[in-house]
Amino acid sequence: MEGKIVIQGINLDLALGVLEEERKRKQRVLVDLELFFQFPEKDELERTVDYSKAAELVQKLSREKFVLIEALAGKAARLMLDSFPSLRAVKVRAHKPRAPLPLKFQDLYAECYLER
């Protein structure tokens, strides 16, 4: 049976932005993961994707600097596929709720979908 695990709103504080002043101090970014794989027939952690480890790996990206939000989403997606051989595909959304836009908006995010 194919399914997915979803983790929404992994909080990262990282340097991100096209503008140099954006990258001078860390800002809040939220990352959502959708991890697609065959659900195991047995109730054993070894047979599934450890979502705790997935969230921890994404959290480690806060140590890096990014110019583009797309680069963050893409790196997180590749990291998931590289770290979990049982994944068939991954979708990552990287939200930048305080992007410097000259208008009011609810959310801004980049979405990346990768499959094996």
PDB file of N, CA and C in Angstrom:
ATOM      1  N   MET A   1       0.856  -1.179   0.000  1.00  0.00           N
ATOM      2  CA  MET A   1       0.000   0.000   0.000  1.00  0.00           C
ATOM      3  C   MET A   1       0.895   1.233   0.000  1.00  0.00           C
ATOM      4  N   GLU A   2       0.682   2.082  -0.988  1.00  0.00           N
ATOM      5  CA  GLU A   2       1.445   3.334  -1.088  1.00  0.00           C
ATOM      6  C   GLU A   2       0.766   4.403  -0.237  1.00  0.00           C
ATOM      7  N   GLY A   3       1.579   5.211   0.404  1.00  0.00           N
ATOM      8  CA  GLY A   3       1.045   6.304   1.216  1.00  0.00           C
ATOM      9  C   GLY A   3       2.081   7.392   1.376  1.00  0.00           C
ATOM     10  N   LYS A   4       1.801   8.302   2.289  1.00  0.00           N
ATOM     11  CA  LYS A   4       2.757   9.370   2.552  1.00  0.00           C
ATOM     12  C   LYS A   4       2.671   9.790   4.010  1.00  0.00           C
ATOM     13  N   ILE A   5       3.774  10.292   4.492  1.00  0.00           N
ATOM     14  CA  ILE A   5       3.842  10.945   5.795  1.00  0.00           C
ATOM     15  C   ILE A   5       4.041  12.424   5.509  1.00  0.00           C
ATOM     16  N   VAL A   6       3.314  13.267   6.235  1.00  0.00           N
ATOM     17  CA  VAL A   6       3.408  14.715   6.045  1.00  0.00           C
ATOM     18  C   VAL A   6       3.859  15.347   7.358  1.00  0.00           C
ATOM     19  N   ILE A   7       4.863  16.200   7.262  1.00  0.00           N
ATOM     20  CA  ILE A   7       5.300  17.010   8.396  1.00  0.00           C
ATOM     21  C   ILE A   7       5.147  18.462   7.957  1.00  0.00           C
ATOM     22  N   GLN A   8       4.358  19.221   8.683  1.00  0.00           N
ATOM     23  CA  GLN A   8       4.130  20.615   8.312  1.00  0.00           C
ATOM     24  C   GLN A   8       4.763  21.564   9.321  1.00  0.00           C
ATOM     25  N   GLY A   9       5.373  22.611   8.791  1.00  0.00           N
ATOM     26  CA  GLY A   9       5.828  23.710   9.625  1.00  0.00           C
ATOM     27  C   GLY A   9       7.084  23.463  10.426  1.00  0.00           C
ATOM     28  N   ILE A  10       8.067  22.769   9.850  1.00  0.00           N
ATOM     29  CA  ILE A  10       9.352  22.632  10.539  1.00  0.00           C
ATOM     30  C   ILE A  10       9.978  24.026  10.568  1.00  0.00           C
ATOM     31  N   ASN A  11      10.204  24.532  11.759  1.00  0.00           N
ATOM     32  CA  ASN A  11      10.710  25.892  11.954  1.00  0.00           C
ATOM     33  C   ASN A  11      12.219  25.947  11.769  1.00  0.00           C
ATOM     34  N   LEU A  12      12.670  26.807  10.873  1.00  0.00           N
ATOM     35  CA  LEU A  12      14.095  27.037  10.692  1.00  0.00           C
ATOM     36  C   LEU A  12      14.376  28.523  10.857  1.00  0.00           C
ATOM     37  N   ASP A  13      15.479  28.844  11.460  1.00  0.00           N
ATOM     38  CA  ASP A  13      15.995  30.208  11.492  1.00  0.00           C
ATOM     39  C   ASP A  13      17.279  30.173  10.682  1.00  0.00           C
ATOM     40  N   LEU A  14      17.245  30.812   9.511  1.00  0.00           N
ATOM     41  CA  LEU A  14      18.423  30.751   8.653  1.00  0.00           C
ATOM     42  C   LEU A  14      18.592  32.021   7.837  1.00  0.00           C
ATOM     43  N   ALA A  15      19.786  32.157   7.290  1.00  0.00           N
ATOM     44  CA  ALA A  15      20.103  33.283   6.416  1.00  0.00           C
ATOM     45  C   ALA A  15      19.605  32.930   5.022  1.00  0.00           C
ATOM     46  N   LEU A  16      18.658  33.716   4.524  1.00  0.00           N
ATOM     47  CA  LEU A  16      18.038  33.434   3.235  1.00  0.00           C
ATOM     48  C   LEU A  16      17.613  34.733   2.583  1.00  0.00           C
ATOM     49  N   GLY A  17      17.978  34.922   1.317  1.00  0.00           N
ATOM     50  CA  GLY A  17      17.477  36.082   0.612  1.00  0.00           C
ATOM     51  C   GLY A  17      18.396  36.559  -0.493  1.00  0.00           C
ATOM     52  N   VAL A  18      17.794  37.195  -1.468  1.00  0.00           N
ATOM     53  CA  VAL A  18      18.536  37.778  -2.577  1.00  0.00           C
ATOM     54  C   VAL A  18      19.261  39.033  -2.103  1.00  0.00           C
ATOM     55  N   LEU A  19      18.587  39.803  -1.259  1.00  0.00           N
ATOM     56  CA  LEU A  19      19.178  41.040  -0.746  1.00  0.00           C
ATOM     57  C   LEU A  19      20.198  40.731   0.346  1.00  0.00           C
ATOM     58  N   GLU A  20      21.344  41.391   0.266  1.00  0.00           N
ATOM     59  CA  GLU A  20      22.404  41.149   1.244  1.00  0.00           C
ATOM     60  C   GLU A  20      21.921  41.399   2.670  1.00  0.00           C
ATOM     61  N   GLU A  21      21.107  42.433   2.865  1.00  0.00           N
ATOM     62  CA  GLU A  21      20.619  42.733   4.211  1.00  0.00           C
ATOM     63  C   GLU A  21      19.722  41.622   4.755  1.00  0.00           C
ATOM     64  N   GLU A  22      19.060  40.879   3.879  1.00  0.00           N
ATOM     65  CA  GLU A  22      18.253  39.737   4.324  1.00  0.00           C
ATOM     66  C   GLU A  22      19.135  38.635   4.894  1.00  0.00           C
ATOM     67  N   ARG A  23      20.295  38.445   4.289  1.00  0.00           N
ATOM     68  CA  ARG A  23      21.180  37.355   4.706  1.00  0.00           C
ATOM     69  C   ARG A  23      22.040  37.709   5.908  1.00  0.00           C
ATOM     70  N   LYS A  24      22.034  38.980   6.316  1.00  0.00           N
ATOM     71  CA  LYS A  24      22.857  39.398   7.456  1.00  0.00           C
ATOM     72  C   LYS A  24      22.354  38.837   8.774  1.00  0.00           C
ATOM     73  N   ARG A  25      21.054  38.661   8.876  1.00  0.00           N
ATOM     74  CA  ARG A  25      20.521  38.067  10.108  1.00  0.00           C
ATOM     75  C   ARG A  25      19.539  36.967   9.745  1.00  0.00           C
ATOM     76  N   LYS A  26      19.464  36.012  10.589  1.00  0.00           N
ATOM     77  CA  LYS A  26      18.607  34.872  10.307  1.00  0.00           C
ATOM     78  C   LYS A  26      17.133  35.265  10.361  1.00  0.00           C
ATOM     79  N   GLN A  27      16.348  34.584   9.559  1.00  0.00           N
ATOM     80  CA  GLN A  27      14.914  34.823   9.549  1.00  0.00           C
ATOM     81  C   GLN A  27      14.171  33.488   9.617  1.00  0.00           C
ATOM     82  N   ARG A  28      12.924  33.568  10.002  1.00  0.00           N
ATOM     83  CA  ARG A  28      12.101  32.370  10.163  1.00  0.00           C
ATOM     84  C   ARG A  28      11.608  31.876   8.803  1.00  0.00           C
ATOM     85  N   VAL A  29      11.828  30.588   8.582  1.00  0.00           N
ATOM     86  CA  VAL A  29      11.346  29.901   7.390  1.00  0.00           C
ATOM     87  C   VAL A  29      10.680  28.620   7.874  1.00  0.00           C
ATOM     88  N   LEU A  30       9.592  28.233   7.234  1.00  0.00           N
ATOM     89  CA  LEU A  30       8.894  26.999   7.575  1.00  0.00           C
ATOM     90  C   LEU A  30       9.033  26.014   6.429  1.00  0.00           C
ATOM     91  N   VAL A  31       9.270  24.759   6.755  1.00  0.00           N
ATOM     92  CA  VAL A  31       9.424  23.726   5.731  1.00  0.00           C
ATOM     93  C   VAL A  31       8.397  22.626   5.975  1.00  0.00           C
ATOM     94  N   ASP A  32       7.697  22.256   4.896  1.00  0.00           N
ATOM     95  CA  ASP A  32       6.758  21.138   4.924  1.00  0.00           C
ATOM     96  C   ASP A  32       7.347  20.004   4.102  1.00  0.00           C
ATOM     97  N   LEU A  33       7.180  18.782   4.589  1.00  0.00           N
ATOM     98  CA  LEU A  33       7.634  17.592   3.868  1.00  0.00           C
ATOM     99  C   LEU A  33       6.455  16.674   3.591  1.00  0.00           C
ATOM    100  N   GLU A  34       6.422  16.118   2.402  1.00  0.00           N
ATOM    101  CA  GLU A  34       5.518  15.017   2.078  1.00  0.00           C
ATOM    102  C   GLU A  34       6.407  13.894   1.573  1.00  0.00           C
ATOM    103  N   LEU A  35       6.416  12.788   2.302  1.00  0.00           N
ATOM    104  CA  LEU A  35       7.304  11.668   2.021  1.00  0.00           C
ATOM    105  C   LEU A  35       6.473  10.496   1.501  1.00  0.00           C
ATOM    106  N   PHE A  36       6.645  10.141   0.226  1.00  0.00           N
ATOM    107  CA  PHE A  36       5.842   9.108  -0.442  1.00  0.00           C
ATOM    108  C   PHE A  36       6.613   7.788  -0.481  1.00  0.00           C
ATOM    109  N   PHE A  37       5.984   6.706  -0.017  1.00  0.00           N
ATOM    110  CA  PHE A  37       6.642   5.408  -0.001  1.00  0.00           C
ATOM    111  C   PHE A  37       5.624   4.293   0.210  1.00  0.00           C
ATOM    112  N   GLN A  38       6.093   3.051   0.034  1.00  0.00           N
ATOM    113  CA  GLN A  38       5.261   1.879   0.304  1.00  0.00           C
ATOM    114  C   GLN A  38       5.158   1.694   1.810  1.00  0.00           C
ATOM    115  N   PHE A  39       3.949   1.706   2.321  1.00  0.00           N
ATOM    116  CA  PHE A  39       3.784   1.473   3.752  1.00  0.00           C
ATOM    117  C   PHE A  39       4.133   0.019   4.051  1.00  0.00           C
ATOM    118  N   PRO A  40       4.799  -0.218   5.187  1.00  0.00           N
ATOM    119  CA  PRO A  40       5.211  -1.583   5.531  1.00  0.00           C
ATOM    120  C   PRO A  40       4.006  -2.430   5.952  1.00  0.00           C
ATOM    121  N   GLU A  41       4.125  -3.719   5.695  1.00  0.00           N
ATOM    122  CA  GLU A  41       3.061  -4.635   6.117  1.00  0.00           C
ATOM    123  C   GLU A  41       3.185  -4.976   7.593  1.00  0.00           C
ATOM    124  N   LYS A  42       4.404  -4.860   8.135  1.00  0.00           N
ATOM    125  CA  LYS A  42       4.620  -5.119   9.555  1.00  0.00           C
ATOM    126  C   LYS A  42       4.770  -3.798  10.297  1.00  0.00           C
ATOM    127  N   ASP A  43       4.372  -3.799  11.542  1.00  0.00           N
ATOM    128  CA  ASP A  43       4.404  -2.606  12.389  1.00  0.00           C
ATOM    129  C   ASP A  43       5.790  -2.450  13.012  1.00  0.00           C
ATOM    130  N   GLU A  44       6.788  -2.128  12.156  1.00  0.00           N
ATOM    131  CA  GLU A  44       8.169  -2.029  12.608  1.00  0.00           C
ATOM    132  C   GLU A  44       8.818  -0.780  12.021  1.00  0.00           C
ATOM    133  N   LEU A  45       9.472  -0.006  12.870  1.00  0.00           N
ATOM    134  CA  LEU A  45      10.105   1.239  12.453  1.00  0.00           C
ATOM    135  C   LEU A  45      11.136   1.026  11.345  1.00  0.00           C
ATOM    136  N   GLU A  46      11.854  -0.057  11.401  1.00  0.00           N
ATOM    137  CA  GLU A  46      12.898  -0.326  10.412  1.00  0.00           C
ATOM    138  C   GLU A  46      12.334  -0.439   9.000  1.00  0.00           C
ATOM    139  N   ARG A  47      11.050  -0.671   8.873  1.00  0.00           N
ATOM    140  CA  ARG A  47      10.424  -0.889   7.570  1.00  0.00           C
ATOM    141  C   ARG A  47       9.745   0.366   7.015  1.00  0.00           C
ATOM    142  N   THR A  48       9.924   1.484   7.689  1.00  0.00           N
ATOM    143  CA  THR A  48       9.259   2.704   7.256  1.00  0.00           C
ATOM    144  C   THR A  48      10.269   3.852   7.188  1.00  0.00           C
ATOM    145  N   VAL A  49       9.768   5.070   7.017  1.00  0.00           N
ATOM    146  CA  VAL A  49      10.609   6.260   7.017  1.00  0.00           C
ATOM    147  C   VAL A  49      10.531   6.880   8.411  1.00  0.00           C
ATOM    148  N   ASP A  50      11.664   7.066   9.029  1.00  0.00           N
ATOM    149  CA  ASP A  50      11.720   7.651  10.368  1.00  0.00           C
ATOM    150  C   ASP A  50      11.525   9.164  10.250  1.00  0.00           C
ATOM    151  N   TYR A  51      10.299   9.619  10.491  1.00  0.00           N
ATOM    152  CA  TYR A  51      10.009  11.045  10.297  1.00  0.00           C
ATOM    153  C   TYR A  51      10.725  11.934  11.295  1.00  0.00           C
ATOM    154  N   SER A  52      11.109  11.391  12.430  1.00  0.00           N
ATOM    155  CA  SER A  52      11.896  12.156  13.391  1.00  0.00           C
ATOM    156  C   SER A  52      13.269  12.485  12.798  1.00  0.00           C
ATOM    157  N   LYS A  53      13.878  11.495  12.147  1.00  0.00           N
ATOM    158  CA  LYS A  53      15.174  11.710  11.501  1.00  0.00           C
ATOM    159  C   LYS A  53      15.027  12.685  10.322  1.00  0.00           C
ATOM    160  N   ALA A  54      13.934  12.570   9.574  1.00  0.00           N
ATOM    161  CA  ALA A  54      13.703  13.474   8.440  1.00  0.00           C
ATOM    162  C   ALA A  54      13.635  14.920   8.919  1.00  0.00           C
ATOM    163  N   ALA A  55      12.881  15.170   9.983  1.00  0.00           N
ATOM    164  CA  ALA A  55      12.760  16.529  10.524  1.00  0.00           C
ATOM    165  C   ALA A  55      14.101  17.038  11.039  1.00  0.00           C
ATOM    166  N   GLU A  56      14.854  16.155  11.671  1.00  0.00           N
ATOM    167  CA  GLU A  56      16.180  16.529  12.188  1.00  0.00           C
ATOM    168  C   GLU A  56      17.133  16.909  11.053  1.00  0.00           C
ATOM    169  N   LEU A  57      17.085  16.172   9.954  1.00  0.00           N
ATOM    170  CA  LEU A  57      17.937  16.488   8.802  1.00  0.00           C
ATOM    171  C   LEU A  57      17.589  17.851   8.210  1.00  0.00           C
ATOM    172  N   VAL A  58      16.300  18.143   8.115  1.00  0.00           N
ATOM    173  CA  VAL A  58      15.883  19.451   7.601  1.00  0.00           C
ATOM    174  C   VAL A  58      16.336  20.552   8.556  1.00  0.00           C
ATOM    175  N   GLN A  59      16.204  20.305   9.849  1.00  0.00           N
ATOM    176  CA  GLN A  59      16.607  21.295  10.850  1.00  0.00           C
ATOM    177  C   GLN A  59      18.084  21.666  10.698  1.00  0.00           C
ATOM    178  N   LYS A  60      18.913  20.725  10.303  1.00  0.00           N
ATOM    179  CA  LYS A  60      20.351  20.982  10.133  1.00  0.00           C
ATOM    180  C   LYS A  60      20.639  21.958   8.990  1.00  0.00           C
ATOM    181  N   LEU A  61      19.687  22.130   8.074  1.00  0.00           N
ATOM    182  CA  LEU A  61      19.875  23.087   6.987  1.00  0.00           C
ATOM    183  C   LEU A  61      19.923  24.528   7.489  1.00  0.00           C
ATOM    184  N   SER A  62      19.482  24.764   8.718  1.00  0.00           N
ATOM    185  CA  SER A  62      19.510  26.123   9.265  1.00  0.00           C
ATOM    186  C   SER A  62      20.941  26.620   9.471  1.00  0.00           C
ATOM    187  N   ARG A  63      21.912  25.732   9.399  1.00  0.00           N
ATOM    188  CA  ARG A  63      23.322  26.121   9.521  1.00  0.00           C
ATOM    189  C   ARG A  63      23.866  26.722   8.231  1.00  0.00           C
ATOM    190  N   GLU A  64      23.114  26.557   7.137  1.00  0.00           N
ATOM    191  CA  GLU A  64      23.584  27.007   5.825  1.00  0.00           C
ATOM    192  C   GLU A  64      22.977  28.353   5.452  1.00  0.00           C
ATOM    193  N   LYS A  65      23.560  28.974   4.426  1.00  0.00           N
ATOM    194  CA  LYS A  65      23.034  30.224   3.875  1.00  0.00           C
ATOM    195  C   LYS A  65      22.499  29.948   2.474  1.00  0.00           C
ATOM    196  N   PHE A  66      21.381  30.568   2.154  1.00  0.00           N
ATOM    197  CA  PHE A  66      20.765  30.400   0.846  1.00  0.00           C
ATOM    198  C   PHE A  66      20.406  31.763   0.276  1.00  0.00           C
ATOM    199  N   VAL A  67      20.565  31.909  -1.024  1.00  0.00           N
ATOM    200  CA  VAL A  67      20.101  33.105  -1.719  1.00  0.00           C
ATOM    201  C   VAL A  67      18.644  32.894  -2.109  1.00  0.00           C
ATOM    202  N   LEU A  68      18.341  31.741  -2.686  1.00  0.00           N
ATOM    203  CA  LEU A  68      17.004  31.458  -3.201  1.00  0.00           C
ATOM    204  C   LEU A  68      16.237  30.469  -2.333  1.00  0.00           C
ATOM    205  N   ILE A  69      14.981  30.747  -2.133  1.00  0.00           N
ATOM    206  CA  ILE A  69      14.115  29.824  -1.401  1.00  0.00           C
ATOM    207  C   ILE A  69      13.955  28.519  -2.190  1.00  0.00           C
ATOM    208  N   GLU A  70      14.055  28.624  -3.516  1.00  0.00           N
ATOM    209  CA  GLU A  70      13.995  27.434  -4.363  1.00  0.00           C
ATOM    210  C   GLU A  70      15.178  26.504  -4.087  1.00  0.00           C
ATOM    211  N   ALA A  71      16.337  27.094  -3.826  1.00  0.00           N
ATOM    212  CA  ALA A  71      17.531  26.297  -3.521  1.00  0.00           C
ATOM    213  C   ALA A  71      17.347  25.542  -2.211  1.00  0.00           C
ATOM    214  N   LEU A  72      16.748  26.188  -1.230  1.00  0.00           N
ATOM    215  CA  LEU A  72      16.468  25.523   0.049  1.00  0.00           C
ATOM    216  C   LEU A  72      15.519  24.351  -0.161  1.00  0.00           C
ATOM    217  N   ALA A  73      14.428  24.558  -0.883  1.00  0.00           N
ATOM    218  CA  ALA A  73      13.458  23.481  -1.129  1.00  0.00           C
ATOM    219  C   ALA A  73      14.108  22.324  -1.882  1.00  0.00           C
ATOM    220  N   GLY A  74      14.892  22.637  -2.903  1.00  0.00           N
ATOM    221  CA  GLY A  74      15.552  21.600  -3.683  1.00  0.00           C
ATOM    222  C   GLY A  74      16.567  20.809  -2.881  1.00  0.00           C
ATOM    223  N   LYS A  75      17.326  21.507  -2.053  1.00  0.00           N
ATOM    224  CA  LYS A  75      18.329  20.815  -1.231  1.00  0.00           C
ATOM    225  C   LYS A  75      17.658  19.888  -0.218  1.00  0.00           C
ATOM    226  N   ALA A  76      16.577  20.354   0.381  1.00  0.00           N
ATOM    227  CA  ALA A  76      15.843  19.516   1.339  1.00  0.00           C
ATOM    228  C   ALA A  76      15.269  18.277   0.652  1.00  0.00           C
ATOM    229  N   ALA A  77      14.736  18.441  -0.558  1.00  0.00           N
ATOM    230  CA  ALA A  77      14.171  17.302  -1.292  1.00  0.00           C
ATOM    231  C   ALA A  77      15.246  16.268  -1.627  1.00  0.00           C
ATOM    232  N   ARG A  78      16.384  16.739  -2.137  1.00  0.00           N
ATOM    233  CA  ARG A  78      17.473  15.811  -2.460  1.00  0.00           C
ATOM    234  C   ARG A  78      18.008  15.118  -1.211  1.00  0.00           C
ATOM    235  N   LEU A  79      18.070  15.849  -0.114  1.00  0.00           N
ATOM    236  CA  LEU A  79      18.526  15.282   1.150  1.00  0.00           C
ATOM    237  C   LEU A  79      17.617  14.134   1.598  1.00  0.00           C
ATOM    238  N   MET A  80      16.307  14.309   1.434  1.00  0.00           N
ATOM    239  CA  MET A  80      15.363  13.255   1.816  1.00  0.00           C
ATOM    240  C   MET A  80      15.562  12.007   0.953  1.00  0.00           C
ATOM    241  N   LEU A  81      15.658  12.175  -0.367  1.00  0.00           N
ATOM    242  CA  LEU A  81      15.842  11.010  -1.246  1.00  0.00           C
ATOM    243  C   LEU A  81      17.177  10.322  -0.985  1.00  0.00           C
ATOM    244  N   ASP A  82      18.211  11.095  -0.715  1.00  0.00           N
ATOM    245  CA  ASP A  82      19.528  10.509  -0.428  1.00  0.00           C
ATOM    246  C   ASP A  82      19.550   9.771   0.910  1.00  0.00           C
ATOM    247  N   SER A  83      18.755  10.220   1.865  1.00  0.00           N
ATOM    248  CA  SER A  83      18.799   9.667   3.219  1.00  0.00           C
ATOM    249  C   SER A  83      17.861   8.489   3.441  1.00  0.00           C
ATOM    250  N   PHE A  84      16.837   8.376   2.613  1.00  0.00           N
ATOM    251  CA  PHE A  84      15.828   7.327   2.824  1.00  0.00           C
ATOM    252  C   PHE A  84      15.598   6.548   1.532  1.00  0.00           C
ATOM    253  N   PRO A  85      16.289   5.421   1.375  1.00  0.00           N
ATOM    254  CA  PRO A  85      16.176   4.625   0.150  1.00  0.00           C
ATOM    255  C   PRO A  85      14.752   4.136  -0.145  1.00  0.00           C
ATOM    256  N   SER A  86      13.920   4.024   0.860  1.00  0.00           N
ATOM    257  CA  SER A  86      12.563   3.522   0.637  1.00  0.00           C
ATOM    258  C   SER A  86      11.617   4.585   0.065  1.00  0.00           C
ATOM    259  N   LEU A  87      12.047   5.847   0.030  1.00  0.00           N
ATOM    260  CA  LEU A  87      11.186   6.895  -0.525  1.00  0.00           C
ATOM    261  C   LEU A  87      11.056   6.732  -2.033  1.00  0.00           C
ATOM    262  N   ARG A  88       9.828   6.838  -2.514  1.00  0.00           N
ATOM    263  CA  ARG A  88       9.576   6.852  -3.956  1.00  0.00           C
ATOM    264  C   ARG A  88       9.637   8.274  -4.474  1.00  0.00           C
ATOM    265  N   ALA A  89       9.152   9.215  -3.637  1.00  0.00           N
ATOM    266  CA  ALA A  89       9.125  10.625  -4.034  1.00  0.00           C
ATOM    267  C   ALA A  89       9.036  11.485  -2.784  1.00  0.00           C
ATOM    268  N   VAL A  90       9.317  12.774  -2.972  1.00  0.00           N
ATOM    269  CA  VAL A  90       9.224  13.738  -1.875  1.00  0.00           C
ATOM    270  C   VAL A  90       8.736  15.068  -2.441  1.00  0.00           C
ATOM    271  N   LYS A  91       7.903  15.729  -1.654  1.00  0.00           N
ATOM    272  CA  LYS A  91       7.488  17.092  -1.984  1.00  0.00           C
ATOM    273  C   LYS A  91       7.894  17.967  -0.811  1.00  0.00           C
ATOM    274  N   VAL A  92       8.543  19.086  -1.117  1.00  0.00           N
ATOM    275  CA  VAL A  92       8.994  20.021  -0.090  1.00  0.00           C
ATOM    276  C   VAL A  92       8.423  21.396  -0.410  1.00  0.00           C
ATOM    277  N   ARG A  93       7.894  22.033   0.609  1.00  0.00           N
ATOM    278  CA  ARG A  93       7.489  23.436   0.505  1.00  0.00           C
ATOM    279  C   ARG A  93       8.320  24.217   1.512  1.00  0.00           C
ATOM    280  N   ALA A  94       8.961  25.268   1.036  1.00  0.00           N
ATOM    281  CA  ALA A  94       9.715  26.166   1.917  1.00  0.00           C
ATOM    282  C   ALA A  94       8.976  27.502   1.923  1.00  0.00           C
ATOM    283  N   HIS A  95       8.442  27.867   3.081  1.00  0.00           N
ATOM    284  CA  HIS A  95       7.641  29.083   3.241  1.00  0.00           C
ATOM    285  C   HIS A  95       8.499  30.217   3.779  1.00  0.00           C
ATOM    286  N   LYS A  96       8.335  31.383   3.199  1.00  0.00           N
ATOM    287  CA  LYS A  96       9.035  32.583   3.659  1.00  0.00           C
ATOM    288  C   LYS A  96       7.970  33.645   3.955  1.00  0.00           C
ATOM    289  N   PRO A  97       7.362  33.571   5.138  1.00  0.00           N
ATOM    290  CA  PRO A  97       6.224  34.441   5.441  1.00  0.00           C
ATOM    291  C   PRO A  97       6.553  35.921   5.564  1.00  0.00           C
ATOM    292  N   ARG A  98       7.822  36.252   5.709  1.00  0.00           N
ATOM    293  CA  ARG A  98       8.209  37.665   5.831  1.00  0.00           C
ATOM    294  C   ARG A  98       9.088  38.112   4.666  1.00  0.00           C
ATOM    295  N   ALA A  99       8.793  37.598   3.491  1.00  0.00           N
ATOM    296  CA  ALA A  99       9.549  38.005   2.298  1.00  0.00           C
ATOM    297  C   ALA A  99       9.361  39.505   2.069  1.00  0.00           C
ATOM    298  N   PRO A 100      10.406  40.186   1.627  1.00  0.00           N
ATOM    299  CA  PRO A 100      10.314  41.639   1.429  1.00  0.00           C
ATOM    300  C   PRO A 100       9.577  42.000   0.136  1.00  0.00           C
ATOM    301  N   LEU A 101       8.259  41.967   0.209  1.00  0.00           N
ATOM    302  CA  LEU A 101       7.425  42.357  -0.930  1.00  0.00           C
ATOM    303  C   LEU A 101       6.760  43.691  -0.624  1.00  0.00           C
ATOM    304  N   PRO A 102       6.512  44.489  -1.639  1.00  0.00           N
ATOM    305  CA  PRO A 102       5.911  45.818  -1.407  1.00  0.00           C
ATOM    306  C   PRO A 102       4.387  45.773  -1.268  1.00  0.00           C
ATOM    307  N   LEU A 103       3.847  44.651  -0.808  1.00  0.00           N
ATOM    308  CA  LEU A 103       2.411  44.510  -0.626  1.00  0.00           C
ATOM    309  C   LEU A 103       2.146  43.510   0.485  1.00  0.00           C
ATOM    310  N   LYS A 104       0.927  43.512   1.004  1.00  0.00           N
ATOM    311  CA  LYS A 104       0.556  42.541   2.032  1.00  0.00           C
ATOM    312  C   LYS A 104       0.244  41.206   1.366  1.00  0.00           C
ATOM    313  N   PHE A 105       0.676  40.129   2.005  1.00  0.00           N
ATOM    314  CA  PHE A 105       0.399  38.791   1.491  1.00  0.00           C
ATOM    315  C   PHE A 105       0.332  37.820   2.654  1.00  0.00           C
ATOM    316  N   GLN A 106      -0.317  36.700   2.421  1.00  0.00           N
ATOM    317  CA  GLN A 106      -0.466  35.707   3.473  1.00  0.00           C
ATOM    318  C   GLN A 106       0.736  34.771   3.550  1.00  0.00           C
ATOM    319  N   ASP A 107       1.228  34.320   2.401  1.00  0.00           N
ATOM    320  CA  ASP A 107       2.315  33.354   2.408  1.00  0.00           C
ATOM    321  C   ASP A 107       3.047  33.404   1.070  1.00  0.00           C
ATOM    322  N   LEU A 108       4.289  33.025   1.104  1.00  0.00           N
ATOM    323  CA  LEU A 108       5.095  32.859  -0.096  1.00  0.00           C
ATOM    324  C   LEU A 108       5.874  31.573   0.103  1.00  0.00           C
ATOM    325  N   TYR A 109       5.814  30.678  -0.873  1.00  0.00           N
ATOM    326  CA  TYR A 109       6.593  29.457  -0.734  1.00  0.00           C
ATOM    327  C   TYR A 109       7.058  28.942  -2.085  1.00  0.00           C
ATOM    328  N   ALA A 110       8.138  28.169  -2.047  1.00  0.00           N
ATOM    329  CA  ALA A 110       8.638  27.436  -3.203  1.00  0.00           C
ATOM    330  C   ALA A 110       8.330  25.970  -2.946  1.00  0.00           C
ATOM    331  N   GLU A 111       7.900  25.282  -3.979  1.00  0.00           N
ATOM    332  CA  GLU A 111       7.547  23.867  -3.843  1.00  0.00           C
ATOM    333  C   GLU A 111       8.376  23.056  -4.820  1.00  0.00           C
ATOM    334  N   CYS A 112       8.923  21.966  -4.336  1.00  0.00           N
ATOM    335  CA  CYS A 112       9.765  21.086  -5.134  1.00  0.00           C
ATOM    336  C   CYS A 112       9.235  19.667  -5.006  1.00  0.00           C
ATOM    337  N   TYR A 113       9.122  18.965  -6.122  1.00  0.00           N
ATOM    338  CA  TYR A 113       8.696  17.572  -6.122  1.00  0.00           C
ATOM    339  C   TYR A 113       9.748  16.765  -6.866  1.00  0.00           C
ATOM    340  N   LEU A 114      10.297  15.747  -6.198  1.00  0.00           N
ATOM    341  CA  LEU A 114      11.292  14.853  -6.808  1.00  0.00           C
ATOM    342  C   LEU A 114      10.858  13.419  -6.627  1.00  0.00           C
ATOM    343  N   GLU A 115      11.058  12.615  -7.665  1.00  0.00           N
ATOM    344  CA  GLU A 115      10.821  11.177  -7.525  1.00  0.00           C
ATOM    345  C   GLU A 115      12.039  10.414  -8.012  1.00  0.00           C
ATOM    346  N   ARG A 116      12.119   9.195  -7.583  1.00  0.00           N
ATOM    347  CA  ARG A 116      13.226   8.319  -8.021  1.00  0.00           C
ATOM    348  C   ARG A 116      12.978   7.854  -9.434  1.00  0.00           C
TER     349      ARG A 116
END
